[in-house]
Amino acid sequence: MPPDSVVPLDQEVIDIGMSKRSIRQRLDGFEQTALKPCRGKKSSAWKYRNEFVQDYDELINFAGLFVSWRTFPWSLNEGVFDYEQRLLREYRDKWGRRPAINQR
């Protein structure tokens, strides 16, 4: 069951990121990358698959994975990047590390 509310700085958050793609496109891409063998660049979905999932049944059902997002007007693209960076800094300040998938 997903939580009633989402706090982007909860310790359970594993990834903070932005995308110019729609949420549907982003989630479809995440699913396809997580379920297929990795070729080339390692993505957040590949890291999720290798570090957070115990077996294929858990992976294919995305058990325990909840996604939240916030939309921004296209005119605020610069502001979106700043917001992402601020959340990453605040998360690091609170927990002493970045979210697990953001460990680049």
N, C-alpha and C. Protein backbone atom coordinates (compact mmCIF):
# COMPACT_ATOMS: atom_id res chain seq x y z
N MET A 1 0.84 -1.17 0.00
CA MET A 1 0.00 0.00 0.00
C MET A 1 0.90 1.25 0.00
N PRO A 2 0.69 2.16 -0.94
CA PRO A 2 1.51 3.38 -0.93
C PRO A 2 1.18 4.25 0.27
N PRO A 3 2.12 5.07 0.68
CA PRO A 3 1.86 5.97 1.81
C PRO A 3 0.81 7.01 1.43
N ASP A 4 0.17 7.60 2.45
CA ASP A 4 -0.84 8.63 2.21
C ASP A 4 -0.23 9.92 1.66
N SER A 5 0.98 10.20 2.05
CA SER A 5 1.65 11.39 1.55
C SER A 5 3.12 11.06 1.29
N VAL A 6 3.74 11.90 0.51
CA VAL A 6 5.13 11.66 0.14
C VAL A 6 5.97 12.84 0.60
N VAL A 7 7.06 12.53 1.25
CA VAL A 7 8.02 13.54 1.66
C VAL A 7 9.31 13.23 0.89
N PRO A 8 9.74 14.13 0.00
CA PRO A 8 10.88 13.81 -0.84
C PRO A 8 12.19 13.60 -0.09
N LEU A 9 12.21 13.91 1.20
CA LEU A 9 13.44 13.71 1.97
C LEU A 9 13.35 12.51 2.90
N ASP A 10 12.32 11.67 2.77
CA ASP A 10 12.25 10.45 3.57
C ASP A 10 13.46 9.57 3.27
N GLN A 11 13.94 8.86 4.27
CA GLN A 11 15.11 8.02 4.09
C GLN A 11 14.87 6.91 3.06
N GLU A 12 13.63 6.51 2.86
CA GLU A 12 13.31 5.44 1.91
C GLU A 12 13.40 5.88 0.45
N VAL A 13 13.49 7.17 0.19
CA VAL A 13 13.61 7.67 -1.19
C VAL A 13 14.92 7.15 -1.77
N ILE A 14 14.86 6.55 -2.97
CA ILE A 14 16.07 6.00 -3.59
C ILE A 14 16.53 6.79 -4.80
N ASP A 15 15.69 7.70 -5.33
CA ASP A 15 16.07 8.45 -6.52
C ASP A 15 15.33 9.78 -6.57
N ILE A 16 16.06 10.84 -6.84
CA ILE A 16 15.48 12.15 -7.09
C ILE A 16 16.01 12.58 -8.45
N GLY A 17 15.11 12.87 -9.37
CA GLY A 17 15.57 13.24 -10.70
C GLY A 17 14.52 13.99 -11.48
N MET A 18 14.97 14.58 -12.57
CA MET A 18 14.05 15.31 -13.43
C MET A 18 14.08 14.70 -14.82
N SER A 19 13.02 14.98 -15.56
CA SER A 19 12.93 14.49 -16.93
C SER A 19 12.05 15.44 -17.73
N LYS A 20 12.40 15.66 -18.96
CA LYS A 20 11.55 16.46 -19.84
C LYS A 20 10.47 15.59 -20.48
N ARG A 21 10.58 14.29 -20.30
CA ARG A 21 9.56 13.37 -20.84
C ARG A 21 8.34 13.36 -19.94
N SER A 22 7.22 12.91 -20.47
CA SER A 22 6.01 12.78 -19.66
C SER A 22 6.23 11.67 -18.62
N ILE A 23 5.43 11.68 -17.58
CA ILE A 23 5.58 10.65 -16.54
C ILE A 23 5.35 9.26 -17.15
N ARG A 24 4.42 9.14 -18.06
CA ARG A 24 4.18 7.85 -18.72
C ARG A 24 5.42 7.40 -19.50
N GLN A 25 6.02 8.31 -20.27
CA GLN A 25 7.22 7.96 -21.03
C GLN A 25 8.36 7.58 -20.08
N ARG A 26 8.50 8.33 -19.00
CA ARG A 26 9.58 8.06 -18.04
C ARG A 26 9.41 6.70 -17.37
N LEU A 27 8.18 6.41 -16.94
CA LEU A 27 7.93 5.12 -16.28
C LEU A 27 8.04 3.96 -17.26
N ASP A 28 7.56 4.14 -18.49
CA ASP A 28 7.72 3.10 -19.51
C ASP A 28 9.20 2.81 -19.76
N GLY A 29 9.99 3.87 -19.87
CA GLY A 29 11.42 3.70 -20.08
C GLY A 29 12.09 3.01 -18.90
N PHE A 30 11.71 3.39 -17.69
CA PHE A 30 12.26 2.76 -16.49
C PHE A 30 11.93 1.26 -16.49
N GLU A 31 10.68 0.93 -16.78
CA GLU A 31 10.26 -0.47 -16.78
C GLU A 31 11.02 -1.27 -17.84
N GLN A 32 11.11 -0.75 -19.04
CA GLN A 32 11.80 -1.46 -20.11
C GLN A 32 13.27 -1.68 -19.78
N THR A 33 13.90 -0.67 -19.23
CA THR A 33 15.32 -0.80 -18.88
C THR A 33 15.52 -1.78 -17.73
N ALA A 34 14.65 -1.73 -16.74
CA ALA A 34 14.79 -2.62 -15.58
C ALA A 34 14.56 -4.08 -15.96
N LEU A 35 13.71 -4.33 -16.94
CA LEU A 35 13.35 -5.71 -17.27
C LEU A 35 14.22 -6.34 -18.34
N LYS A 36 14.99 -5.55 -19.06
CA LYS A 36 15.82 -6.09 -20.14
C LYS A 36 17.29 -6.11 -19.73
N PRO A 37 18.08 -6.95 -20.39
CA PRO A 37 19.52 -6.93 -20.12
C PRO A 37 20.09 -5.55 -20.46
N CYS A 38 21.03 -5.10 -19.66
CA CYS A 38 21.62 -3.78 -19.86
C CYS A 38 22.64 -3.82 -21.00
N ARG A 39 22.52 -2.87 -21.90
CA ARG A 39 23.49 -2.70 -22.96
C ARG A 39 24.00 -1.26 -22.88
N GLY A 40 25.25 -1.11 -22.62
CA GLY A 40 25.82 0.24 -22.60
C GLY A 40 25.66 0.93 -21.26
N LYS A 41 25.20 2.16 -21.32
CA LYS A 41 25.11 3.04 -20.15
C LYS A 41 24.25 2.43 -19.04
N LYS A 42 24.74 2.49 -17.83
CA LYS A 42 23.99 2.02 -16.67
C LYS A 42 23.03 3.11 -16.23
N SER A 43 21.76 2.79 -16.13
CA SER A 43 20.74 3.77 -15.79
C SER A 43 20.25 3.57 -14.36
N SER A 44 19.37 4.47 -13.93
CA SER A 44 18.78 4.33 -12.60
C SER A 44 17.96 3.04 -12.53
N ALA A 45 17.29 2.68 -13.60
CA ALA A 45 16.51 1.44 -13.60
C ALA A 45 17.42 0.22 -13.47
N TRP A 46 18.56 0.25 -14.13
CA TRP A 46 19.51 -0.87 -14.03
C TRP A 46 20.05 -0.97 -12.60
N LYS A 47 20.35 0.16 -11.99
CA LYS A 47 20.83 0.15 -10.60
C LYS A 47 19.74 -0.36 -9.67
N TYR A 48 18.49 0.08 -9.89
CA TYR A 48 17.37 -0.42 -9.08
C TYR A 48 17.29 -1.94 -9.19
N ARG A 49 17.37 -2.46 -10.40
CA ARG A 49 17.27 -3.90 -10.64
C ARG A 49 18.37 -4.66 -9.90
N ASN A 50 19.57 -4.15 -9.93
CA ASN A 50 20.70 -4.88 -9.35
C ASN A 50 20.90 -4.68 -7.86
N GLU A 51 20.41 -3.58 -7.31
CA GLU A 51 20.67 -3.30 -5.90
C GLU A 51 19.46 -3.42 -4.98
N PHE A 52 18.25 -3.39 -5.54
CA PHE A 52 17.07 -3.36 -4.69
C PHE A 52 16.12 -4.53 -4.88
N VAL A 53 16.35 -5.35 -5.87
CA VAL A 53 15.41 -6.43 -6.19
C VAL A 53 16.08 -7.77 -5.94
N GLN A 54 15.36 -8.64 -5.23
CA GLN A 54 15.92 -9.94 -4.87
C GLN A 54 15.72 -11.00 -5.95
N ASP A 55 14.57 -10.98 -6.63
CA ASP A 55 14.32 -11.98 -7.65
C ASP A 55 13.45 -11.41 -8.76
N TYR A 56 13.31 -12.15 -9.85
CA TYR A 56 12.61 -11.65 -11.03
C TYR A 56 11.13 -11.39 -10.77
N ASP A 57 10.48 -12.21 -9.94
CA ASP A 57 9.06 -11.98 -9.64
C ASP A 57 8.87 -10.63 -8.95
N GLU A 58 9.78 -10.32 -8.04
CA GLU A 58 9.72 -9.02 -7.36
C GLU A 58 9.96 -7.90 -8.37
N LEU A 59 10.90 -8.12 -9.28
CA LEU A 59 11.21 -7.12 -10.29
C LEU A 59 10.03 -6.88 -11.23
N ILE A 60 9.47 -7.94 -11.76
CA ILE A 60 8.40 -7.78 -12.75
C ILE A 60 7.15 -7.15 -12.16
N ASN A 61 6.95 -7.30 -10.85
CA ASN A 61 5.81 -6.67 -10.18
C ASN A 61 6.16 -5.31 -9.56
N PHE A 62 7.43 -4.93 -9.61
CA PHE A 62 7.91 -3.70 -8.98
C PHE A 62 7.36 -3.60 -7.55
N ALA A 63 7.48 -4.72 -6.85
CA ALA A 63 6.97 -4.82 -5.47
C ALA A 63 7.63 -3.79 -4.57
N GLY A 64 6.81 -3.05 -3.87
CA GLY A 64 7.31 -2.08 -2.90
C GLY A 64 7.87 -0.81 -3.49
N LEU A 65 7.76 -0.64 -4.80
CA LEU A 65 8.26 0.58 -5.45
C LEU A 65 7.11 1.53 -5.69
N PHE A 66 7.18 2.71 -5.13
CA PHE A 66 6.17 3.74 -5.31
C PHE A 66 6.83 4.95 -5.94
N VAL A 67 6.12 5.59 -6.85
CA VAL A 67 6.65 6.73 -7.58
C VAL A 67 5.80 7.95 -7.30
N SER A 68 6.46 9.06 -7.04
CA SER A 68 5.75 10.33 -6.95
C SER A 68 6.43 11.31 -7.89
N TRP A 69 5.71 12.30 -8.33
CA TRP A 69 6.30 13.27 -9.23
C TRP A 69 5.62 14.62 -9.07
N ARG A 70 6.28 15.60 -9.60
CA ARG A 70 5.75 16.96 -9.60
C ARG A 70 5.95 17.51 -11.01
N THR A 71 4.95 18.14 -11.55
CA THR A 71 5.08 18.74 -12.87
C THR A 71 5.43 20.22 -12.75
N PHE A 72 6.15 20.70 -13.74
CA PHE A 72 6.54 22.10 -13.82
C PHE A 72 6.18 22.62 -15.21
N PRO A 73 5.82 23.88 -15.32
CA PRO A 73 5.59 24.45 -16.66
C PRO A 73 6.88 24.41 -17.47
N TRP A 74 6.77 24.24 -18.78
CA TRP A 74 7.96 24.19 -19.65
C TRP A 74 8.82 25.44 -19.49
N SER A 75 8.21 26.56 -19.19
CA SER A 75 8.97 27.81 -19.07
C SER A 75 9.90 27.82 -17.86
N LEU A 76 9.78 26.86 -16.97
CA LEU A 76 10.60 26.82 -15.75
C LEU A 76 11.69 25.76 -15.80
N ASN A 77 12.13 25.36 -16.99
CA ASN A 77 13.14 24.29 -17.07
C ASN A 77 14.37 24.57 -16.22
N GLU A 78 14.85 25.79 -16.23
CA GLU A 78 16.00 26.14 -15.39
C GLU A 78 15.65 25.96 -13.92
N GLY A 79 14.45 26.37 -13.52
CA GLY A 79 14.01 26.22 -12.15
C GLY A 79 13.86 24.78 -11.72
N VAL A 80 13.49 23.92 -12.65
CA VAL A 80 13.33 22.49 -12.34
C VAL A 80 14.68 21.90 -11.94
N PHE A 81 15.73 22.21 -12.70
CA PHE A 81 17.06 21.70 -12.37
C PHE A 81 17.50 22.21 -11.00
N ASP A 82 17.25 23.49 -10.74
CA ASP A 82 17.60 24.06 -9.43
C ASP A 82 16.85 23.36 -8.30
N TYR A 83 15.58 23.06 -8.53
CA TYR A 83 14.77 22.37 -7.52
C TYR A 83 15.31 20.96 -7.26
N GLU A 84 15.66 20.26 -8.33
CA GLU A 84 16.25 18.92 -8.18
C GLU A 84 17.53 18.98 -7.37
N GLN A 85 18.40 19.91 -7.69
CA GLN A 85 19.67 20.05 -6.98
C GLN A 85 19.46 20.42 -5.51
N ARG A 86 18.47 21.26 -5.24
CA ARG A 86 18.18 21.64 -3.85
C ARG A 86 17.70 20.43 -3.07
N LEU A 87 16.81 19.62 -3.67
CA LEU A 87 16.34 18.41 -2.98
C LEU A 87 17.50 17.45 -2.71
N LEU A 88 18.39 17.29 -3.67
CA LEU A 88 19.55 16.41 -3.47
C LEU A 88 20.44 16.92 -2.34
N ARG A 89 20.67 18.23 -2.31
CA ARG A 89 21.48 18.80 -1.21
C ARG A 89 20.81 18.61 0.14
N GLU A 90 19.50 18.88 0.20
CA GLU A 90 18.77 18.74 1.46
C GLU A 90 18.75 17.28 1.92
N TYR A 91 18.60 16.36 1.00
CA TYR A 91 18.62 14.94 1.36
C TYR A 91 20.00 14.58 1.92
N ARG A 92 21.05 15.01 1.24
CA ARG A 92 22.42 14.73 1.70
C ARG A 92 22.67 15.35 3.08
N ASP A 93 22.22 16.58 3.26
CA ASP A 93 22.40 17.24 4.56
C ASP A 93 21.66 16.49 5.67
N LYS A 94 20.51 15.95 5.36
CA LYS A 94 19.71 15.26 6.37
C LYS A 94 20.24 13.86 6.68
N TRP A 95 20.68 13.11 5.66
CA TRP A 95 21.05 11.71 5.85
C TRP A 95 22.54 11.43 5.69
N GLY A 96 23.32 12.44 5.32
CA GLY A 96 24.76 12.24 5.17
C GLY A 96 25.15 11.54 3.89
N ARG A 97 24.23 11.40 2.97
CA ARG A 97 24.49 10.74 1.69
C ARG A 97 23.38 11.14 0.73
N ARG A 98 23.60 10.90 -0.54
CA ARG A 98 22.55 11.11 -1.54
C ARG A 98 21.67 9.88 -1.59
N PRO A 99 20.47 9.98 -2.19
CA PRO A 99 19.64 8.78 -2.34
C PRO A 99 20.45 7.70 -3.09
N ALA A 100 20.16 6.45 -2.80
CA ALA A 100 20.97 5.33 -3.29
C ALA A 100 21.22 5.35 -4.79
N ILE A 101 20.21 5.62 -5.57
CA ILE A 101 20.40 5.60 -7.03
C ILE A 101 21.11 6.85 -7.50
N ASN A 102 21.09 7.90 -6.75
CA ASN A 102 21.78 9.15 -7.11
C ASN A 102 23.25 9.13 -6.70
N GLN A 103 23.78 8.00 -6.27
CA GLN A 103 25.17 7.90 -5.83
C GLN A 103 26.10 7.84 -7.04
N ARG A 104 26.29 8.93 -7.73
CA ARG A 104 27.15 8.96 -8.92
C ARG A 104 28.50 9.47 -8.58
